[in-house]
Amino acid sequence: MNNIEHNKGKNRVLRQRLGRPGMIVSLGVHDAFSALLAEKAGFEVIFLGGFGISASRLGLPDLNFLNLSDMETAVRHISGVLSIPLIADGDTGHGGLPQVRQTVERLSAAGASGVLLEDQVFPKRCGHFRSKEVISREEMVAKIRTAVAAKPDPDFVVIARTDARAVHGLQDAMDRVDACCQAGADIAFIEAPESQGELEEIARNVKHPLFANMLVGGKTPILSVTELENLGYKFAVSPIETLLVCGTALQSMMTALLKDGRLDGYLSDKMGFDEVKEILRLESFLNIKA
């Protein structure tokens, strides 16, 4: 199967999963290794956000230091080792309508089965940072229409995200995602609701598949998958927690090495070298014959 057909197959899997009952529980990964672990753990869909890639590839915060080529490369590397669909963060589309079209074309060609587009003013910032600005509703709807027209096939998924809650209030945010979904977006994503009541109000009023961003330490209260499903949400993502856990583990390991001068004891109950080789499919590569 060539790469285009393989990508279409993963797109179809994502579309079928969206059409079935029940929540889609996803995880934001920050590199290919964390993506492999997520697939092995049993996640059906992987999310690749700008925050994790900006931190892991550039060592910089999510303040639009990441460009389209950076994300395109990350998508190609990560989707290339996965057999499950990957949804990629398209940020603002990296510019105007021509750039939005190119964002969808390049990220889908790199292996993404869906893209998330937001309505912040360029340069954007993490949705849980202060001092955000958004473009007009009409401009965002035009971006969504452009993205939908650029889809490589009907199964490719477009997620419309708005940051208007922090700028114009919740009603405007709900009106925006409704307009975006009427323009062809598949999923509505209102970033950073600030209470459970707001999450409930969104679920009552937005009649499109809903995306919940469960960022631990962010502005939105954390609800369980069951609670979100009961409200009516379709998609729940823990966006940067792989990065947080890896950071904690690395700090602990580094402290142990500096203190003890060795790591064999510290690693006795951790992932071993043999397990890493198995996750990376070492034997399948060593067994390739000329």
Protein backbone atom coordinates (compact mmCIF):
# COMPACT_ATOMS: atom_id res chain seq x y z
CA MET A 1 0.00 0.00 0.00
CA ASN A 2 1.46 3.39 -0.96
CA ASN A 3 1.63 6.28 1.51
CA ILE A 4 -1.39 8.11 0.06
CA GLU A 5 -3.61 5.04 0.36
CA HIS A 6 -2.23 4.29 3.83
CA ASN A 7 -3.10 7.82 4.94
CA LYS A 8 -6.59 7.50 3.46
CA GLY A 9 -7.04 4.29 5.40
CA LYS A 10 -6.20 6.04 8.67
CA ASN A 11 -8.47 8.94 7.71
CA ARG A 12 -11.28 6.44 7.19
CA VAL A 13 -10.64 4.87 10.57
CA LEU A 14 -10.90 8.28 12.24
CA ARG A 15 -14.11 9.14 10.39
CA GLN A 16 -15.66 5.81 11.33
CA ARG A 17 -14.66 6.29 14.96
CA LEU A 18 -16.29 9.71 15.00
CA GLY A 19 -19.48 8.13 13.73
CA ARG A 20 -19.67 5.49 16.45
CA PRO A 21 -21.15 6.11 19.91
CA GLY A 22 -18.87 6.84 22.81
CA MET A 23 -16.05 9.20 23.70
CA ILE A 24 -12.76 9.37 21.85
CA VAL A 25 -10.05 9.63 24.50
CA SER A 26 -6.84 11.03 23.05
CA LEU A 27 -3.44 12.06 24.27
CA GLY A 28 -1.14 14.84 23.14
CA VAL A 29 2.29 13.41 22.36
CA HIS A 30 5.51 15.34 21.86
CA ASP A 31 7.70 12.97 19.85
CA ALA A 32 7.65 9.67 18.00
CA PHE A 33 8.60 7.61 21.05
CA SER A 34 5.76 8.95 23.18
CA ALA A 35 3.43 8.31 20.22
CA LEU A 36 4.56 4.68 20.00
CA LEU A 37 3.92 4.25 23.71
CA ALA A 38 0.44 5.79 23.35
CA GLU A 39 -0.47 3.43 20.54
CA LYS A 40 0.84 0.45 22.49
CA ALA A 41 -1.21 1.56 25.51
CA GLY A 42 -4.38 1.34 23.44
CA PHE A 43 -5.25 4.90 22.38
CA GLU A 44 -7.27 4.99 19.16
CA VAL A 45 -6.30 8.50 18.04
CA ILE A 46 -3.20 10.58 18.78
CA PHE A 47 -3.12 14.37 19.05
CA LEU A 48 -0.03 16.40 18.17
CA GLY A 49 -0.17 19.88 19.66
CA GLY A 50 2.07 22.85 19.09
CA PHE A 51 2.95 23.20 22.78
CA GLY A 52 4.63 19.79 23.02
CA ILE A 53 6.49 20.09 19.73
CA SER A 54 7.66 23.63 20.49
CA ALA A 55 8.99 22.47 23.87
CA SER A 56 10.56 19.20 22.69
CA ARG A 57 11.99 20.30 19.33
CA LEU A 58 12.84 23.95 20.03
CA GLY A 59 12.96 24.26 23.81
CA LEU A 60 10.63 27.27 23.52
CA PRO A 61 7.15 28.12 24.85
CA ASP A 62 4.01 27.98 22.72
CA LEU A 63 4.26 31.54 21.39
CA ASN A 64 4.28 30.78 17.65
CA PHE A 65 8.00 30.05 17.42
CA LEU A 66 6.92 26.84 15.68
CA ASN A 67 6.38 27.21 11.93
CA LEU A 68 4.58 25.04 9.40
CA SER A 69 7.75 23.25 8.34
CA ASP A 70 8.49 22.31 11.97
CA MET A 71 5.03 20.80 12.41
CA GLU A 72 5.11 19.15 8.99
CA THR A 73 8.38 17.41 9.88
CA ALA A 74 7.05 16.30 13.25
CA VAL A 75 3.86 14.92 11.67
CA ARG A 76 5.85 13.00 9.07
CA HIS A 77 8.15 11.44 11.66
CA ILE A 78 5.38 10.56 14.10
CA SER A 79 2.64 9.43 11.71
CA GLY A 80 5.23 7.32 9.90
CA VAL A 81 5.63 4.99 12.90
CA LEU A 82 1.92 4.82 13.81
CA SER A 83 -0.84 2.59 12.51
CA ILE A 84 -3.52 4.78 14.15
CA PRO A 85 -4.76 8.24 13.08
CA LEU A 86 -2.93 11.42 14.10
CA ILE A 87 -4.59 14.83 14.42
CA ALA A 88 -2.19 17.76 13.99
CA ASP A 89 -2.33 21.29 15.36
CA GLY A 90 -2.53 23.71 12.43
CA ASP A 91 -2.45 26.76 14.74
CA THR A 92 -3.90 29.77 12.87
CA GLY A 93 -3.22 28.19 9.49
CA HIS A 94 0.09 30.11 9.55
CA GLY A 95 -1.32 33.17 7.83
CA GLY A 96 -4.18 34.05 5.50
CA LEU A 97 -6.31 31.89 3.26
CA PRO A 98 -3.49 30.75 0.90
CA GLN A 99 -1.47 29.68 3.94
CA VAL A 100 -4.46 27.85 5.44
CA ARG A 101 -4.84 25.85 2.25
CA GLN A 102 -1.14 24.99 2.26
CA THR A 103 -1.29 24.03 5.95
CA VAL A 104 -4.01 21.46 5.26
CA GLU A 105 -2.32 20.17 2.11
CA ARG A 106 1.11 19.81 3.71
CA LEU A 107 0.04 18.34 7.03
CA SER A 108 -2.28 15.84 5.35
CA ALA A 109 0.45 14.86 2.89
CA ALA A 110 2.80 14.38 5.86
CA GLY A 111 0.37 11.86 7.35
CA ALA A 112 -2.15 13.76 9.49
CA SER A 113 -5.74 12.49 9.42
CA GLY A 114 -7.12 15.74 10.75
CA VAL A 115 -6.12 19.30 11.52
CA LEU A 116 -7.08 21.79 14.19
CA LEU A 117 -7.40 25.46 13.21
CA GLU A 118 -7.91 28.38 15.58
CA ASP A 119 -9.03 32.00 15.42
CA GLN A 120 -6.26 33.76 17.29
CA VAL A 121 -4.50 36.75 15.76
CA PHE A 122 -1.07 35.80 14.42
CA PRO A 123 1.29 35.32 16.24
CA LYS A 124 -0.80 33.06 18.47
CA ARG A 125 -0.08 31.72 21.93
CA CYS A 126 -1.14 28.80 24.09
CA GLY A 127 -4.86 29.03 24.77
CA HIS A 128 -4.27 29.03 28.52
CA PHE A 129 -1.86 32.01 28.39
CA ARG A 130 -3.01 35.57 28.99
CA SER A 131 -3.47 38.47 26.52
CA LYS A 132 -4.99 36.62 23.58
CA GLU A 133 -6.60 38.29 20.57
CA VAL A 134 -8.91 36.78 17.96
CA ILE A 135 -9.77 37.55 14.36
CA SER A 136 -13.37 38.29 13.34
CA ARG A 137 -15.93 35.52 13.08
CA GLU A 138 -16.17 36.10 9.34
CA GLU A 139 -12.41 35.70 8.89
CA MET A 140 -12.42 32.46 10.84
CA VAL A 141 -15.34 31.04 8.87
CA ALA A 142 -13.46 31.86 5.66
CA LYS A 143 -10.44 29.95 6.99
CA ILE A 144 -12.61 26.94 7.77
CA ARG A 145 -14.19 26.99 4.31
CA THR A 146 -10.71 27.13 2.80
CA ALA A 147 -9.52 24.24 4.97
CA VAL A 148 -12.54 22.11 4.06
CA ALA A 149 -11.98 22.77 0.35
CA ALA A 150 -8.32 21.70 0.74
CA LYS A 151 -9.10 18.33 2.39
CA PRO A 152 -7.36 15.44 0.61
CA ASP A 153 -10.46 13.26 0.92
CA PRO A 154 -13.88 13.43 2.60
CA ASP A 155 -12.73 11.46 5.65
CA PHE A 156 -10.09 14.02 6.66
CA VAL A 157 -11.26 15.85 9.81
CA VAL A 158 -11.26 19.60 10.44
CA ILE A 159 -11.53 20.87 14.03
CA ALA A 160 -12.57 24.49 14.54
CA ARG A 161 -11.11 26.01 17.68
CA THR A 162 -11.99 29.40 19.10
CA ASP A 163 -10.23 31.39 21.82
CA ALA A 164 -13.04 33.96 21.91
CA ARG A 165 -14.17 32.89 25.41
CA ALA A 166 -11.35 34.93 26.96
CA VAL A 167 -11.83 37.91 24.62
CA HIS A 168 -15.56 38.32 23.88
CA GLY A 169 -17.24 35.88 26.25
CA LEU A 170 -18.77 32.44 26.06
CA GLN A 171 -21.77 33.31 23.88
CA ASP A 172 -19.56 34.68 21.12
CA ALA A 173 -17.36 31.58 21.35
CA MET A 174 -20.40 29.32 20.95
CA ASP A 175 -21.67 31.37 18.02
CA ARG A 176 -18.25 31.13 16.37
CA VAL A 177 -17.91 27.37 16.51
CA ASP A 178 -21.50 26.97 15.36
CA ALA A 179 -20.76 29.12 12.31
CA CYS A 180 -17.54 27.18 11.65
CA CYS A 181 -19.32 23.83 11.77
CA GLN A 182 -22.03 25.14 9.46
CA ALA A 183 -19.15 26.04 7.10
CA GLY A 184 -17.93 22.44 7.12
CA ALA A 185 -15.85 21.88 10.27
CA ASP A 186 -16.41 18.46 11.81
CA ILE A 187 -15.72 19.21 15.47
CA ALA A 188 -16.25 22.30 17.66
CA PHE A 189 -13.57 23.27 20.18
CA ILE A 190 -14.03 26.16 22.59
CA GLU A 191 -10.70 26.70 24.31
CA ALA A 192 -10.35 27.43 28.02
CA PRO A 193 -13.85 27.42 29.56
CA GLU A 194 -13.34 28.51 33.15
CA SER A 195 -15.89 26.44 35.08
CA GLN A 196 -17.86 23.22 34.97
CA GLY A 197 -20.92 25.39 34.43
CA GLU A 198 -19.39 26.74 31.23
CA LEU A 199 -18.57 23.23 30.02
CA GLU A 200 -22.19 22.30 30.67
CA GLU A 201 -23.50 25.41 28.90
CA ILE A 202 -21.38 24.64 25.84
CA ALA A 203 -22.75 21.10 25.73
CA ARG A 204 -26.33 22.36 26.00
CA ASN A 205 -26.04 24.96 23.27
CA VAL A 206 -23.54 23.69 20.67
CA LYS A 207 -25.18 20.99 18.56
CA HIS A 208 -22.02 19.67 16.94
CA PRO A 209 -19.42 17.11 18.08
CA LEU A 210 -17.49 18.73 20.93
CA PHE A 211 -13.80 18.68 21.82
CA ALA A 212 -12.66 19.16 25.43
CA ASN A 213 -9.10 20.14 26.27
CA MET A 214 -8.27 18.71 29.71
CA LEU A 215 -5.02 20.55 30.46
CA VAL A 216 -3.98 19.84 34.05
CA GLY A 217 -3.01 23.18 35.57
CA GLY A 218 -4.86 25.20 32.93
CA LYS A 219 -7.96 27.38 33.22
CA THR A 220 -10.50 24.63 32.61
CA PRO A 221 -11.58 22.33 35.47
CA ILE A 222 -10.70 18.68 34.87
CA LEU A 223 -13.65 16.36 34.37
CA SER A 224 -13.41 12.62 33.90
CA VAL A 225 -14.06 11.05 30.53
CA THR A 226 -17.33 9.66 31.88
CA GLU A 227 -18.44 13.09 33.11
CA LEU A 228 -17.62 14.69 29.75
CA GLU A 229 -19.43 11.96 27.87
CA ASN A 230 -22.49 12.39 30.07
CA LEU A 231 -22.50 16.09 29.22
CA GLY A 232 -22.36 15.27 25.51
CA TYR A 233 -18.72 15.75 24.55
CA LYS A 234 -17.21 13.53 21.85
CA PHE A 235 -13.46 14.13 22.12
CA ALA A 236 -11.30 14.52 25.24
CA VAL A 237 -7.59 15.28 25.01
CA SER A 238 -4.89 15.48 27.66
CA PRO A 239 -2.67 17.79 25.60
CA ILE A 240 0.78 18.12 27.24
CA GLU A 241 0.76 15.66 30.11
CA THR A 242 3.27 13.33 28.40
CA LEU A 243 5.67 16.26 28.47
CA LEU A 244 4.97 16.96 32.14
CA VAL A 245 5.51 13.34 33.16
CA CYS A 246 8.69 13.02 31.09
CA GLY A 247 10.02 16.23 32.62
CA THR A 248 9.41 14.94 36.13
CA ALA A 249 10.99 11.56 35.36
CA LEU A 250 14.05 13.10 33.77
CA GLN A 251 14.60 15.47 36.67
CA SER A 252 14.37 12.57 39.11
CA MET A 253 16.82 10.45 37.12
CA MET A 254 19.31 13.30 36.78
CA THR A 255 19.18 13.98 40.51
CA ALA A 256 19.84 10.29 41.22
CA LEU A 257 22.84 10.18 38.89
CA LEU A 258 24.38 13.30 40.39
CA LYS A 259 23.80 11.96 43.90
CA ASP A 260 24.79 8.29 43.49
CA GLY A 261 27.07 8.32 40.46
CA ARG A 262 25.19 5.37 38.88
CA LEU A 263 21.69 4.51 37.67
CA ASP A 264 21.35 0.73 37.75
CA GLY A 265 19.63 0.73 41.13
CA TYR A 266 17.42 3.69 40.27
CA LEU A 267 16.30 2.02 37.03
CA SER A 268 15.58 -1.40 38.57
CA ASP A 269 11.80 -0.82 38.44
CA LYS A 270 11.76 1.35 35.29
CA MET A 271 11.51 0.54 31.60
CA GLY A 272 14.48 -1.57 30.58
CA PHE A 273 16.71 -1.62 27.53
CA ASP A 274 15.06 -4.78 26.20
CA GLU A 275 11.61 -3.19 26.37
CA VAL A 276 12.81 -0.10 24.52
CA LYS A 277 14.25 -2.30 21.77
CA GLU A 278 10.93 -4.13 21.50
CA ILE A 279 8.93 -0.87 21.28
CA LEU A 280 11.25 0.33 18.51
CA ARG A 281 10.84 -2.99 16.63
CA LEU A 282 14.58 -3.56 16.53
CA GLU A 283 14.37 -7.22 15.50
CA SER A 284 12.15 -6.46 12.50
CA PHE A 285 14.88 -4.19 11.15
CA LEU A 286 17.74 -6.56 11.97
CA ASN A 287 15.94 -9.38 10.18
CA ILE A 288 15.67 -7.55 6.85
CA LYS A 289 17.42 -9.64 4.20
CA ALA A 290 19.02 -8.39 1.03
